Amino acid sequence: MVKKINSKDFSETQENISVVDFNATWCGPCKMLGPVLEDISGEYEGKVNFYGVDVDDNQDLAAKYGIQSIPALIVFKNGVEAGRQVGFVPKPALKNFIDNSIA
């Protein structure tokens, strides 16, 4: 499950391993990526936490992490950025990105 969070909840992403999806409701590729993230989040249950951040509602976070294009995924390992992927990618490529980032 991808948990929608905002600036005040963002500290949750800094614990353990997290994938944060920076997106917007008007973004076509974001709408395509959402179901893929929901699908694979079950496969990583207990290992990786998944979060979604709307960049329009949380411009401070988008600025802090230098988000200039969406969708943008950042993998955090114990609060440190371990990987970044911008744009839509199909499920196999997304799993490969996450696996490489958390290795």
C-alpha atoms as a PDB file:
ATOM      1  CA  MET A   1       0.000   0.000   0.000  1.00  0.00           C
ATOM      2  CA  VAL A   2       1.205   3.484  -0.862  1.00  0.00           C
ATOM      3  CA  LYS A   3       0.492   5.849   2.030  1.00  0.00           C
ATOM      4  CA  LYS A   4      -0.272   9.460   1.107  1.00  0.00           C
ATOM      5  CA  ILE A   5       1.707  11.820   3.324  1.00  0.00           C
ATOM      6  CA  ASN A   6       2.442  15.520   3.631  1.00  0.00           C
ATOM      7  CA  SER A   7       5.237  17.671   5.025  1.00  0.00           C
ATOM      8  CA  LYS A   8       4.372  17.046   8.667  1.00  0.00           C
ATOM      9  CA  ASP A   9       4.331  13.249   8.149  1.00  0.00           C
ATOM     10  CA  PHE A  10       7.496  13.121   6.044  1.00  0.00           C
ATOM     11  CA  SER A  11       9.695  12.055   8.961  1.00  0.00           C
ATOM     12  CA  GLU A  12       8.093   8.581   8.653  1.00  0.00           C
ATOM     13  CA  THR A  13      10.023   8.089   5.414  1.00  0.00           C
ATOM     14  CA  GLN A  14      13.342   8.492   7.191  1.00  0.00           C
ATOM     15  CA  GLU A  15      12.977   5.249   9.122  1.00  0.00           C
ATOM     16  CA  ASN A  16      14.121   1.943   7.629  1.00  0.00           C
ATOM     17  CA  ILE A  17      13.779   1.711   3.832  1.00  0.00           C
ATOM     18  CA  SER A  18      11.224   3.862   2.027  1.00  0.00           C
ATOM     19  CA  VAL A  19      10.198   4.628  -1.537  1.00  0.00           C
ATOM     20  CA  VAL A  20       8.701   8.106  -1.887  1.00  0.00           C
ATOM     21  CA  ASP A  21       6.677   8.918  -5.001  1.00  0.00           C
ATOM     22  CA  PHE A  22       6.577  12.661  -5.711  1.00  0.00           C
ATOM     23  CA  ASN A  23       3.555  13.202  -7.962  1.00  0.00           C
ATOM     24  CA  ALA A  24       0.570  15.426  -8.838  1.00  0.00           C
ATOM     25  CA  THR A  25      -3.078  14.696  -9.602  1.00  0.00           C
ATOM     26  CA  TRP A  26      -2.861  16.335 -13.056  1.00  0.00           C
ATOM     27  CA  CYS A  27       0.230  14.362 -14.147  1.00  0.00           C
ATOM     28  CA  GLY A  28      -0.490  11.644 -16.729  1.00  0.00           C
ATOM     29  CA  PRO A  29       2.661   9.573 -16.136  1.00  0.00           C
ATOM     30  CA  CYS A  30       1.994   9.831 -12.370  1.00  0.00           C
ATOM     31  CA  LYS A  31      -1.447   8.314 -12.910  1.00  0.00           C
ATOM     32  CA  MET A  32       0.177   5.457 -14.838  1.00  0.00           C
ATOM     33  CA  LEU A  33       2.828   4.859 -12.174  1.00  0.00           C
ATOM     34  CA  GLY A  34       0.420   4.862  -9.213  1.00  0.00           C
ATOM     35  CA  PRO A  35      -1.154   1.447  -9.887  1.00  0.00           C
ATOM     36  CA  VAL A  36       2.265  -0.090 -10.583  1.00  0.00           C
ATOM     37  CA  LEU A  37       3.542   1.150  -7.204  1.00  0.00           C
ATOM     38  CA  GLU A  38       0.411  -0.151  -5.468  1.00  0.00           C
ATOM     39  CA  ASP A  39       0.953  -3.527  -7.121  1.00  0.00           C
ATOM     40  CA  ILE A  40       4.591  -3.945  -6.183  1.00  0.00           C
ATOM     41  CA  SER A  41       4.232  -2.491  -2.694  1.00  0.00           C
ATOM     42  CA  GLY A  42       2.663  -5.801  -1.660  1.00  0.00           C
ATOM     43  CA  GLU A  43       5.701  -7.686  -2.904  1.00  0.00           C
ATOM     44  CA  TYR A  44       7.967  -5.620  -0.640  1.00  0.00           C
ATOM     45  CA  GLU A  45       5.678  -5.694   2.400  1.00  0.00           C
ATOM     46  CA  GLY A  46       7.709  -5.852   5.595  1.00  0.00           C
ATOM     47  CA  LYS A  47      10.879  -4.767   3.774  1.00  0.00           C
ATOM     48  CA  VAL A  48      10.096  -1.430   2.127  1.00  0.00           C
ATOM     49  CA  ASN A  49       7.559   1.285   2.976  1.00  0.00           C
ATOM     50  CA  PHE A  50       5.862   3.162   0.123  1.00  0.00           C
ATOM     51  CA  TYR A  51       4.718   6.788   0.350  1.00  0.00           C
ATOM     52  CA  GLY A  52       3.129   9.302  -2.016  1.00  0.00           C
ATOM     53  CA  VAL A  53       3.670  13.071  -1.855  1.00  0.00           C
ATOM     54  CA  ASP A  54       1.598  15.527  -3.926  1.00  0.00           C
ATOM     55  CA  VAL A  55       4.078  18.194  -5.032  1.00  0.00           C
ATOM     56  CA  ASP A  56       1.357  20.831  -5.445  1.00  0.00           C
ATOM     57  CA  ASP A  57       0.287  20.440  -1.816  1.00  0.00           C
ATOM     58  CA  ASN A  58       3.844  20.015  -0.497  1.00  0.00           C
ATOM     59  CA  GLN A  59       5.972  22.454  -2.468  1.00  0.00           C
ATOM     60  CA  ASP A  60       8.424  22.722   0.428  1.00  0.00           C
ATOM     61  CA  LEU A  61       9.305  19.026   0.117  1.00  0.00           C
ATOM     62  CA  ALA A  62       9.573  19.247  -3.668  1.00  0.00           C
ATOM     63  CA  ALA A  63      12.007  22.142  -3.287  1.00  0.00           C
ATOM     64  CA  LYS A  64      13.987  20.477  -0.484  1.00  0.00           C
ATOM     65  CA  TYR A  65      14.591  17.362  -2.592  1.00  0.00           C
ATOM     66  CA  GLY A  66      15.108  19.191  -5.890  1.00  0.00           C
ATOM     67  CA  ILE A  67      12.075  17.692  -7.621  1.00  0.00           C
ATOM     68  CA  GLN A  68      11.865  19.340 -11.047  1.00  0.00           C
ATOM     69  CA  SER A  69      10.076  16.610 -13.018  1.00  0.00           C
ATOM     70  CA  ILE A  70       7.396  14.161 -11.922  1.00  0.00           C
ATOM     71  CA  PRO A  71       6.813  11.410 -11.246  1.00  0.00           C
ATOM     72  CA  ALA A  72      10.004  11.212  -9.236  1.00  0.00           C
ATOM     73  CA  LEU A  73      10.832   8.311  -6.940  1.00  0.00           C
ATOM     74  CA  ILE A  74      13.409   8.583  -4.182  1.00  0.00           C
ATOM     75  CA  VAL A  75      14.532   5.568  -2.184  1.00  0.00           C
ATOM     76  CA  PHE A  76      15.662   6.389   1.346  1.00  0.00           C
ATOM     77  CA  LYS A  77      17.703   4.006   3.508  1.00  0.00           C
ATOM     78  CA  ASN A  78      17.643   5.178   7.136  1.00  0.00           C
ATOM     79  CA  GLY A  79      17.130   8.792   6.063  1.00  0.00           C
ATOM     80  CA  VAL A  80      19.780   8.851   3.336  1.00  0.00           C
ATOM     81  CA  GLU A  81      18.904   9.007  -0.357  1.00  0.00           C
ATOM     82  CA  ALA A  82      19.914   5.683  -1.921  1.00  0.00           C
ATOM     83  CA  GLY A  83      18.395   6.087  -5.383  1.00  0.00           C
ATOM     84  CA  ARG A  84      16.357   8.360  -7.614  1.00  0.00           C
ATOM     85  CA  GLN A  85      14.230   7.587 -10.679  1.00  0.00           C
ATOM     86  CA  VAL A  86      12.383  10.219 -12.725  1.00  0.00           C
ATOM     87  CA  GLY A  87       9.539   9.415 -15.091  1.00  0.00           C
ATOM     88  CA  PHE A  88       7.318   6.412 -15.648  1.00  0.00           C
ATOM     89  CA  VAL A  89       8.948   2.988 -15.839  1.00  0.00           C
ATOM     90  CA  PRO A  90       7.248  -0.398 -16.270  1.00  0.00           C
ATOM     91  CA  LYS A  91       7.015  -2.847 -13.373  1.00  0.00           C
ATOM     92  CA  PRO A  92      10.155  -4.921 -14.143  1.00  0.00           C
ATOM     93  CA  ALA A  93      12.329  -1.799 -14.439  1.00  0.00           C
ATOM     94  CA  LEU A  94      10.805  -0.324 -11.291  1.00  0.00           C
ATOM     95  CA  LYS A  95      11.514  -3.487  -9.298  1.00  0.00           C
ATOM     96  CA  ASN A  96      15.078  -3.513 -10.631  1.00  0.00           C
ATOM     97  CA  PHE A  97      15.541   0.137  -9.563  1.00  0.00           C
ATOM     98  CA  ILE A  98      14.238  -0.576  -6.064  1.00  0.00           C
ATOM     99  CA  ASP A  99      16.275  -3.769  -5.689  1.00  0.00           C
ATOM    100  CA  ASN A 100      19.468  -2.003  -6.761  1.00  0.00           C
ATOM    101  CA  SER A 101      18.763   0.944  -4.447  1.00  0.00           C
ATOM    102  CA  ILE A 102      18.185  -1.182  -1.355  1.00  0.00           C
ATOM    103  CA  ALA A 103      21.019  -3.649  -1.958  1.00  0.00           C
END
